[in-house]
PDB file of all heavy atoms in Angstrom:
ATOM      1  N   VAL A   1     -33.502  54.797  17.473  1.00  0.00           N
ATOM      2  CA  VAL A   1     -32.306  54.219  18.237  1.00  0.00           C
ATOM      3  C   VAL A   1     -31.147  55.172  17.900  1.00  0.00           C
ATOM      4  O   VAL A   1     -30.859  55.473  16.764  1.00  0.00           O
ATOM      5  CB  VAL A   1     -32.006  52.798  17.842  1.00  0.00           C
ATOM      6  CG1 VAL A   1     -30.806  52.261  18.644  1.00  0.00           C
ATOM      7  CG2 VAL A   1     -33.204  51.967  18.013  1.00  0.00           C
ATOM      8  N   PHE A   2     -30.445  55.600  19.003  1.00  0.00           N
ATOM      9  CA  PHE A   2     -29.288  56.516  18.885  1.00  0.00           C
ATOM     10  C   PHE A   2     -28.036  55.856  19.234  1.00  0.00           C
ATOM     11  O   PHE A   2     -27.994  54.960  20.067  1.00  0.00           O
ATOM     12  CB  PHE A   2     -29.505  57.677  19.797  1.00  0.00           C
ATOM     13  CG  PHE A   2     -30.810  58.526  19.468  1.00  0.00           C
ATOM     14  CD1 PHE A   2     -31.941  58.339  20.203  1.00  0.00           C
ATOM     15  CD2 PHE A   2     -30.716  59.505  18.452  1.00  0.00           C
ATOM     16  CE1 PHE A   2     -33.118  59.067  19.910  1.00  0.00           C
ATOM     17  CE2 PHE A   2     -31.855  60.171  18.116  1.00  0.00           C
ATOM     18  CZ  PHE A   2     -33.062  60.045  18.796  1.00  0.00           C
ATOM     19  N   GLU A   3     -27.000  56.222  18.517  1.00  0.00           N
ATOM     20  CA  GLU A   3     -25.667  55.629  18.732  1.00  0.00           C
ATOM     21  C   GLU A   3     -24.998  56.301  19.878  1.00  0.00           C
ATOM     22  O   GLU A   3     -24.502  57.376  19.791  1.00  0.00           O
ATOM     23  CB  GLU A   3     -24.834  55.885  17.473  1.00  0.00           C
ATOM     24  CG  GLU A   3     -23.502  55.013  17.398  1.00  0.00           C
ATOM     25  CD  GLU A   3     -23.829  53.505  17.350  1.00  0.00           C
ATOM     26  OE1 GLU A   3     -24.556  53.093  16.452  1.00  0.00           O
ATOM     27  OE2 GLU A   3     -23.214  52.747  18.203  1.00  0.00           O
ATOM     28  N   SER A   4     -25.092  55.641  21.073  1.00  0.00           N
ATOM     29  CA  SER A   4     -24.496  56.162  22.206  1.00  0.00           C
ATOM     30  C   SER A   4     -24.330  54.997  23.209  1.00  0.00           C
ATOM     31  O   SER A   4     -25.136  54.119  23.381  1.00  0.00           O
ATOM     32  CB  SER A   4     -25.428  57.162  22.911  1.00  0.00           C
ATOM     33  OG  SER A   4     -24.862  57.609  24.148  1.00  0.00           O
ATOM     34  N   GLU A   5     -23.199  55.013  23.860  1.00  0.00           N
ATOM     35  CA  GLU A   5     -22.825  53.959  24.826  1.00  0.00           C
ATOM     36  C   GLU A   5     -23.606  54.076  26.129  1.00  0.00           C
ATOM     37  O   GLU A   5     -23.649  53.118  26.925  1.00  0.00           O
ATOM     38  CB  GLU A   5     -21.314  53.935  25.093  1.00  0.00           C
ATOM     39  CG  GLU A   5     -20.753  55.121  25.743  1.00  0.00           C
ATOM     40  CD  GLU A   5     -19.248  55.057  25.896  1.00  0.00           C
ATOM     41  OE1 GLU A   5     -18.607  54.263  25.293  1.00  0.00           O
ATOM     42  OE2 GLU A   5     -18.746  55.876  26.752  1.00  0.00           O
ATOM     43  N   GLN A   6     -24.209  55.223  26.401  1.00  0.00           N
ATOM     44  CA  GLN A   6     -24.989  55.412  27.597  1.00  0.00           C
ATOM     45  C   GLN A   6     -26.214  54.519  27.507  1.00  0.00           C
ATOM     46  O   GLN A   6     -26.987  54.703  26.521  1.00  0.00           O
ATOM     47  CB  GLN A   6     -25.316  56.885  27.877  1.00  0.00           C
ATOM     48  CG  GLN A   6     -24.140  57.703  28.250  1.00  0.00           C
ATOM     49  CD  GLN A   6     -24.481  58.948  28.990  1.00  0.00           C
ATOM     50  OE1 GLN A   6     -25.644  59.253  29.112  1.00  0.00           O
ATOM     51  NE2 GLN A   6     -23.544  59.675  29.458  1.00  0.00           N
ATOM     52  N   ALA A   7     -26.488  53.766  28.503  1.00  0.00           N
ATOM     53  CA  ALA A   7     -27.678  52.877  28.453  1.00  0.00           C
ATOM     54  C   ALA A   7     -28.906  53.666  28.909  1.00  0.00           C
ATOM     55  O   ALA A   7     -29.499  53.584  29.984  1.00  0.00           O
ATOM     56  CB  ALA A   7     -27.529  51.701  29.385  1.00  0.00           C
ATOM     57  N   ASN A   8     -29.457  54.463  27.933  1.00  0.00           N
ATOM     58  CA  ASN A   8     -30.577  55.344  28.206  1.00  0.00           C
ATOM     59  C   ASN A   8     -31.782  55.001  27.361  1.00  0.00           C
ATOM     60  O   ASN A   8     -31.640  54.455  26.228  1.00  0.00           O
ATOM     61  CB  ASN A   8     -30.265  56.877  28.019  1.00  0.00           C
ATOM     62  CG  ASN A   8     -29.433  57.381  29.190  1.00  0.00           C
ATOM     63  OD1 ASN A   8     -29.447  56.860  30.288  1.00  0.00           O
ATOM     64  ND2 ASN A   8     -28.831  58.513  28.936  1.00  0.00           N
ATOM     65  N   ALA A   9     -32.948  55.306  27.821  1.00  0.00           N
ATOM     66  CA  ALA A   9     -34.220  55.201  27.094  1.00  0.00           C
ATOM     67  C   ALA A   9     -35.135  56.328  27.597  1.00  0.00           C
ATOM     68  O   ALA A   9     -35.036  56.716  28.776  1.00  0.00           O
ATOM     69  CB  ALA A   9     -34.777  53.820  27.222  1.00  0.00           C
ATOM     70  N   PHE A  10     -36.039  56.766  26.760  1.00  0.00           N
ATOM     71  CA  PHE A  10     -36.974  57.751  27.201  1.00  0.00           C
ATOM     72  C   PHE A  10     -38.150  57.739  26.238  1.00  0.00           C
ATOM     73  O   PHE A  10     -38.205  57.222  25.176  1.00  0.00           O
ATOM     74  CB  PHE A  10     -36.332  59.181  27.150  1.00  0.00           C
ATOM     75  CG  PHE A  10     -35.963  59.678  25.732  1.00  0.00           C
ATOM     76  CD1 PHE A  10     -36.826  60.193  24.928  1.00  0.00           C
ATOM     77  CD2 PHE A  10     -34.665  59.408  25.270  1.00  0.00           C
ATOM     78  CE1 PHE A  10     -36.478  60.707  23.662  1.00  0.00           C
ATOM     79  CE2 PHE A  10     -34.341  59.845  24.051  1.00  0.00           C
ATOM     80  CZ  PHE A  10     -35.215  60.484  23.180  1.00  0.00           C
ATOM     81  N   ALA A  11     -39.318  58.353  26.708  1.00  0.00           N
ATOM     82  CA  ALA A  11     -40.461  58.574  25.958  1.00  0.00           C
ATOM     83  C   ALA A  11     -40.995  59.962  26.362  1.00  0.00           C
ATOM     84  O   ALA A  11     -40.971  60.349  27.458  1.00  0.00           O
ATOM     85  CB  ALA A  11     -41.552  57.537  26.160  1.00  0.00           C
ATOM     86  N   LEU A  12     -41.414  60.720  25.353  1.00  0.00           N
ATOM     87  CA  LEU A  12     -41.816  62.099  25.535  1.00  0.00           C
ATOM     88  C   LEU A  12     -43.270  62.223  25.224  1.00  0.00           C
ATOM     89  O   LEU A  12     -43.903  61.506  24.452  1.00  0.00           O
ATOM     90  CB  LEU A  12     -41.038  63.055  24.634  1.00  0.00           C
ATOM     91  CG  LEU A  12     -39.528  63.021  24.895  1.00  0.00           C
ATOM     92  CD1 LEU A  12     -38.809  63.759  23.714  1.00  0.00           C
ATOM     93  CD2 LEU A  12     -39.174  63.628  26.203  1.00  0.00           C
ATOM     94  N   PRO A  13     -43.942  63.271  25.772  1.00  0.00           N
ATOM     95  CA  PRO A  13     -45.389  63.509  25.425  1.00  0.00           C
ATOM     96  C   PRO A  13     -45.554  63.688  23.914  1.00  0.00           C
ATOM     97  O   PRO A  13     -44.662  64.230  23.263  1.00  0.00           O
ATOM     98  CB  PRO A  13     -45.667  64.880  26.115  1.00  0.00           C
ATOM     99  CG  PRO A  13     -44.705  64.883  27.271  1.00  0.00           C
ATOM    100  CD  PRO A  13     -43.470  64.169  26.832  1.00  0.00           C
ATOM    101  N   GLY A  14     -46.572  63.141  23.371  1.00  0.00           N
ATOM    102  CA  GLY A  14     -46.805  63.156  21.941  1.00  0.00           C
ATOM    103  C   GLY A  14     -46.457  61.788  21.321  1.00  0.00           C
ATOM    104  O   GLY A  14     -46.760  61.495  20.241  1.00  0.00           O
ATOM    105  N   GLY A  15     -45.749  60.944  22.105  1.00  0.00           N
ATOM    106  CA  GLY A  15     -45.393  59.591  21.604  1.00  0.00           C
ATOM    107  C   GLY A  15     -44.031  59.476  20.960  1.00  0.00           C
ATOM    108  O   GLY A  15     -43.807  58.528  20.193  1.00  0.00           O
ATOM    109  N   TYR A  16     -43.112  60.423  21.304  1.00  0.00           N
ATOM    110  CA  TYR A  16     -41.748  60.286  20.755  1.00  0.00           C
ATOM    111  C   TYR A  16     -40.860  59.491  21.713  1.00  0.00           C
ATOM    112  O   TYR A  16     -40.715  59.839  22.851  1.00  0.00           O
ATOM    113  CB  TYR A  16     -41.237  61.732  20.536  1.00  0.00           C
ATOM    114  CG  TYR A  16     -42.134  62.609  19.757  1.00  0.00           C
ATOM    115  CD1 TYR A  16     -43.037  63.474  20.312  1.00  0.00           C
ATOM    116  CD2 TYR A  16     -42.008  62.533  18.369  1.00  0.00           C
ATOM    117  CE1 TYR A  16     -43.893  64.167  19.566  1.00  0.00           C
ATOM    118  CE2 TYR A  16     -42.821  63.353  17.510  1.00  0.00           C
ATOM    119  CZ  TYR A  16     -43.843  64.182  18.146  1.00  0.00           C
ATOM    120  OH  TYR A  16     -44.678  64.945  17.421  1.00  0.00           O
ATOM    121  N   MET A  17     -40.212  58.504  21.110  1.00  0.00           N
ATOM    122  CA  MET A  17     -39.420  57.580  22.026  1.00  0.00           C
ATOM    123  C   MET A  17     -38.015  57.442  21.435  1.00  0.00           C
ATOM    124  O   MET A  17     -37.811  57.527  20.319  1.00  0.00           O
ATOM    125  CB  MET A  17     -40.143  56.192  22.082  1.00  0.00           C
ATOM    126  CG  MET A  17     -41.503  56.210  22.660  1.00  0.00           C
ATOM    127  SD  MET A  17     -42.268  54.495  22.629  1.00  0.00           S
ATOM    128  CE  MET A  17     -42.680  54.396  20.932  1.00  0.00           C
ATOM    129  N   GLY A  18     -37.087  57.273  22.452  1.00  0.00           N
ATOM    130  CA  GLY A  18     -35.708  57.047  22.015  1.00  0.00           C
ATOM    131  C   GLY A  18     -35.084  55.969  22.904  1.00  0.00           C
ATOM    132  O   GLY A  18     -35.386  55.739  24.036  1.00  0.00           O
ATOM    133  N   ILE A  19     -34.085  55.314  22.268  1.00  0.00           N
ATOM    134  CA  ILE A  19     -33.378  54.281  23.037  1.00  0.00           C
ATOM    135  C   ILE A  19     -32.000  54.277  22.519  1.00  0.00           C
ATOM    136  O   ILE A  19     -31.746  54.436  21.340  1.00  0.00           O
ATOM    137  CB  ILE A  19     -33.988  52.854  22.948  1.00  0.00           C
ATOM    138  CG1 ILE A  19     -33.348  51.827  23.836  1.00  0.00           C
ATOM    139  CG2 ILE A  19     -34.026  52.418  21.528  1.00  0.00           C
ATOM    140  CD1 ILE A  19     -34.127  50.547  24.046  1.00  0.00           C
ATOM    141  N   ASN A  20     -30.925  54.150  23.376  1.00  0.00           N
ATOM    142  CA  ASN A  20     -29.521  54.126  22.964  1.00  0.00           C
ATOM    143  C   ASN A  20     -29.013  52.775  22.762  1.00  0.00           C
ATOM    144  O   ASN A  20     -29.443  51.817  23.303  1.00  0.00           O
ATOM    145  CB  ASN A  20     -28.703  54.845  23.983  1.00  0.00           C
ATOM    146  CG  ASN A  20     -29.006  56.375  24.057  1.00  0.00           C
ATOM    147  OD1 ASN A  20     -29.704  56.856  23.246  1.00  0.00           O
ATOM    148  ND2 ASN A  20     -28.420  57.074  25.050  1.00  0.00           N
ATOM    149  N   THR A  21     -28.059  52.701  21.898  1.00  0.00           N
ATOM    150  CA  THR A  21     -27.483  51.325  21.568  1.00  0.00           C
ATOM    151  C   THR A  21     -26.786  50.813  22.837  1.00  0.00           C
ATOM    152  O   THR A  21     -26.691  49.568  22.938  1.00  0.00           O
ATOM    153  CB  THR A  21     -26.410  51.429  20.406  1.00  0.00           C
ATOM    154  OG1 THR A  21     -25.442  52.526  20.808  1.00  0.00           O
ATOM    155  CG2 THR A  21     -27.107  51.828  19.055  1.00  0.00           C
ATOM    156  N   GLY A  22     -26.389  51.641  23.739  1.00  0.00           N
ATOM    157  CA  GLY A  22     -25.786  51.107  24.991  1.00  0.00           C
ATOM    158  C   GLY A  22     -26.697  50.191  25.749  1.00  0.00           C
ATOM    159  O   GLY A  22     -26.320  49.179  26.389  1.00  0.00           O
ATOM    160  N   LEU A  23     -27.979  50.519  25.672  1.00  0.00           N
ATOM    161  CA  LEU A  23     -29.036  49.673  26.366  1.00  0.00           C
ATOM    162  C   LEU A  23     -29.274  48.387  25.595  1.00  0.00           C
ATOM    163  O   LEU A  23     -29.429  47.326  26.130  1.00  0.00           O
ATOM    164  CB  LEU A  23     -30.352  50.481  26.531  1.00  0.00           C
ATOM    165  CG  LEU A  23     -31.387  49.851  27.467  1.00  0.00           C
ATOM    166  CD1 LEU A  23     -30.785  49.566  28.832  1.00  0.00           C
ATOM    167  CD2 LEU A  23     -32.533  50.778  27.568  1.00  0.00           C
ATOM    168  N   LEU A  24     -29.239  48.430  24.260  1.00  0.00           N
ATOM    169  CA  LEU A  24     -29.390  47.253  23.482  1.00  0.00           C
ATOM    170  C   LEU A  24     -28.253  46.280  23.689  1.00  0.00           C
ATOM    171  O   LEU A  24     -28.388  45.086  23.637  1.00  0.00           O
ATOM    172  CB  LEU A  24     -29.419  47.580  21.949  1.00  0.00           C
ATOM    173  CG  LEU A  24     -30.710  48.405  21.535  1.00  0.00           C
ATOM    174  CD1 LEU A  24     -30.674  48.637  20.000  1.00  0.00           C
ATOM    175  CD2 LEU A  24     -32.050  47.826  21.955  1.00  0.00           C
ATOM    176  N   GLN A  25     -27.074  46.818  23.972  1.00  0.00           N
ATOM    177  CA  GLN A  25     -25.861  45.913  24.205  1.00  0.00           C
ATOM    178  C   GLN A  25     -26.040  45.264  25.594  1.00  0.00           C
ATOM    179  O   GLN A  25     -25.623  44.072  25.710  1.00  0.00           O
ATOM    180  CB  GLN A  25     -24.629  46.832  24.161  1.00  0.00           C
ATOM    181  CG  GLN A  25     -24.268  47.290  22.737  1.00  0.00           C
ATOM    182  CD  GLN A  25     -23.216  48.316  22.656  1.00  0.00           C
ATOM    183  OE1 GLN A  25     -22.703  48.740  23.777  1.00  0.00           O
ATOM    184  NE2 GLN A  25     -22.845  48.892  21.520  1.00  0.00           N
ATOM    185  N   LEU A  26     -26.633  45.866  26.494  1.00  0.00           N
ATOM    186  CA  LEU A  26     -26.876  45.340  27.805  1.00  0.00           C
ATOM    187  C   LEU A  26     -27.953  44.276  27.749  1.00  0.00           C
ATOM    188  O   LEU A  26     -27.904  43.256  28.575  1.00  0.00           O
ATOM    189  CB  LEU A  26     -27.188  46.419  28.836  1.00  0.00           C
ATOM    190  CG  LEU A  26     -25.924  47.225  29.395  1.00  0.00           C
ATOM    191  CD1 LEU A  26     -26.543  48.289  30.349  1.00  0.00           C
ATOM    192  CD2 LEU A  26     -24.910  46.367  30.070  1.00  0.00           C
ATOM    193  N   ALA A  27     -28.978  44.450  26.938  1.00  0.00           N
ATOM    194  CA  ALA A  27     -30.104  43.526  26.962  1.00  0.00           C
ATOM    195  C   ALA A  27     -30.624  43.385  25.567  1.00  0.00           C
ATOM    196  O   ALA A  27     -31.663  43.867  25.185  1.00  0.00           O
ATOM    197  CB  ALA A  27     -31.224  44.198  27.854  1.00  0.00           C
ATOM    198  N   PRO A  28     -29.867  42.642  24.718  1.00  0.00           N
ATOM    199  CA  PRO A  28     -30.263  42.376  23.284  1.00  0.00           C
ATOM    200  C   PRO A  28     -31.348  41.335  23.200  1.00  0.00           C
ATOM    201  O   PRO A  28     -31.215  40.416  22.418  1.00  0.00           O
ATOM    202  CB  PRO A  28     -28.933  41.962  22.655  1.00  0.00           C
ATOM    203  CG  PRO A  28     -28.280  41.260  23.784  1.00  0.00           C
ATOM    204  CD  PRO A  28     -28.615  41.984  25.090  1.00  0.00           C
ATOM    205  N   ASP A  29     -32.430  41.554  23.841  1.00  0.00           N
ATOM    206  CA  ASP A  29     -33.497  40.498  23.908  1.00  0.00           C
ATOM    207  C   ASP A  29     -34.824  41.246  23.819  1.00  0.00           C
ATOM    208  O   ASP A  29     -35.104  42.313  24.508  1.00  0.00           O
ATOM    209  CB  ASP A  29     -33.448  39.756  25.338  1.00  0.00           C
ATOM    210  CG  ASP A  29     -34.607  38.918  25.582  1.00  0.00           C
ATOM    211  OD1 ASP A  29     -34.590  37.766  25.166  1.00  0.00           O
ATOM    212  OD2 ASP A  29     -35.544  39.378  26.268  1.00  0.00           O
ATOM    213  N   GLN A  30     -35.792  40.830  23.000  1.00  0.00           N
ATOM    214  CA  GLN A  30     -36.945  41.519  22.772  1.00  0.00           C
ATOM    215  C   GLN A  30     -37.821  41.658  23.956  1.00  0.00           C
ATOM    216  O   GLN A  30     -38.446  42.777  24.119  1.00  0.00           O
ATOM    217  CB  GLN A  30     -37.786  40.840  21.610  1.00  0.00           C
ATOM    218  CG  GLN A  30     -38.370  39.479  22.031  1.00  0.00           C
ATOM    219  CD  GLN A  30     -39.506  39.000  21.067  1.00  0.00           C
ATOM    220  OE1 GLN A  30     -39.713  39.648  20.013  1.00  0.00           O
ATOM    221  NE2 GLN A  30     -40.196  37.955  21.425  1.00  0.00           N
ATOM    222  N   ASP A  31     -37.853  40.679  24.823  1.00  0.00           N
ATOM    223  CA  ASP A  31     -38.700  40.826  26.040  1.00  0.00           C
ATOM    224  C   ASP A  31     -38.072  41.843  27.021  1.00  0.00           C
ATOM    225  O   ASP A  31     -38.959  42.627  27.624  1.00  0.00           O
ATOM    226  CB  ASP A  31     -38.908  39.495  26.714  1.00  0.00           C
ATOM    227  CG  ASP A  31     -39.539  38.421  25.784  1.00  0.00           C
ATOM    228  OD1 ASP A  31     -40.683  38.735  25.292  1.00  0.00           O
ATOM    229  OD2 ASP A  31     -38.931  37.433  25.554  1.00  0.00           O
ATOM    230  N   GLN A  32     -36.841  41.848  27.214  1.00  0.00           N
ATOM    231  CA  GLN A  32     -36.273  42.823  28.100  1.00  0.00           C
ATOM    232  C   GLN A  32     -36.382  44.262  27.580  1.00  0.00           C
ATOM    233  O   GLN A  32     -36.708  45.181  28.307  1.00  0.00           O
ATOM    234  CB  GLN A  32     -34.797  42.450  28.387  1.00  0.00           C
ATOM    235  CG  GLN A  32     -34.531  41.160  29.128  1.00  0.00           C
ATOM    236  CD  GLN A  32     -33.167  40.914  29.508  1.00  0.00           C
ATOM    237  OE1 GLN A  32     -32.425  41.816  29.969  1.00  0.00           O
ATOM    238  NE2 GLN A  32     -32.642  39.715  29.184  1.00  0.00           N
ATOM    239  N   ILE A  33     -36.141  44.460  26.309  1.00  0.00           N
ATOM    240  CA  ILE A  33     -36.342  45.716  25.753  1.00  0.00           C
ATOM    241  C   ILE A  33     -37.750  46.230  25.746  1.00  0.00           C
ATOM    242  O   ILE A  33     -38.107  47.391  25.981  1.00  0.00           O
ATOM    243  CB  ILE A  33     -35.748  45.827  24.319  1.00  0.00           C
ATOM    244  CG1 ILE A  33     -34.211  45.525  24.345  1.00  0.00           C
ATOM    245  CG2 ILE A  33     -36.055  47.162  23.686  1.00  0.00           C
ATOM    246  CD1 ILE A  33     -33.421  46.600  25.139  1.00  0.00           C
ATOM    247  N   ALA A  34     -38.653  45.283  25.594  1.00  0.00           N
ATOM    248  CA  ALA A  34     -40.142  45.593  25.730  1.00  0.00           C
ATOM    249  C   ALA A  34     -40.458  46.091  27.094  1.00  0.00           C
ATOM    250  O   ALA A  34     -41.311  46.989  27.211  1.00  0.00           O
ATOM    251  CB  ALA A  34     -40.940  44.347  25.335  1.00  0.00           C
ATOM    252  N   SER A  35     -39.805  45.575  28.125  1.00  0.00           N
ATOM    253  CA  SER A  35     -40.035  46.040  29.465  1.00  0.00           C
ATOM    254  C   SER A  35     -39.542  47.541  29.600  1.00  0.00           C
ATOM    255  O   SER A  35     -40.252  48.259  30.334  1.00  0.00           O
ATOM    256  CB  SER A  35     -39.407  45.108  30.482  1.00  0.00           C
ATOM    257  OG  SER A  35     -38.001  45.244  30.505  1.00  0.00           O
ATOM    258  N   VAL A  36     -38.481  47.855  28.997  1.00  0.00           N
ATOM    259  CA  VAL A  36     -37.989  49.200  29.064  1.00  0.00           C
ATOM    260  C   VAL A  36     -38.966  50.130  28.251  1.00  0.00           C
ATOM    261  O   VAL A  36     -39.290  51.164  28.779  1.00  0.00           O
ATOM    262  CB  VAL A  36     -36.558  49.293  28.484  1.00  0.00           C
ATOM    263  CG1 VAL A  36     -36.135  50.781  28.288  1.00  0.00           C
ATOM    264  CG2 VAL A  36     -35.605  48.485  29.289  1.00  0.00           C
ATOM    265  N   ILE A  37     -39.258  49.819  27.080  1.00  0.00           N
ATOM    266  CA  ILE A  37     -40.101  50.685  26.244  1.00  0.00           C
ATOM    267  C   ILE A  37     -41.492  50.728  26.795  1.00  0.00           C
ATOM    268  O   ILE A  37     -42.124  51.810  26.813  1.00  0.00           O
ATOM    269  CB  ILE A  37     -40.178  50.166  24.773  1.00  0.00           C
ATOM    270  CG1 ILE A  37     -38.727  50.197  24.154  1.00  0.00           C
ATOM    271  CG2 ILE A  37     -41.126  51.042  23.905  1.00  0.00           C
ATOM    272  CD1 ILE A  37     -38.671  49.578  22.673  1.00  0.00           C
ATOM    273  N   GLY A  38     -42.029  49.637  27.280  1.00  0.00           N
ATOM    274  CA  GLY A  38     -43.333  49.659  27.952  1.00  0.00           C
ATOM    275  C   GLY A  38     -43.340  50.570  29.182  1.00  0.00           C
ATOM    276  O   GLY A  38     -44.354  51.263  29.411  1.00  0.00           O
TER     277      GLY A  38
END
């Protein structure tokens, strides 16, 4: 998780994933974030 107000998330080949705190602030719910990461 990266400290950034931009509501971004990504996953890269090899299994490297990132999500910004801006997205957690918009959706601080495990099911909603699971939909993003999934």
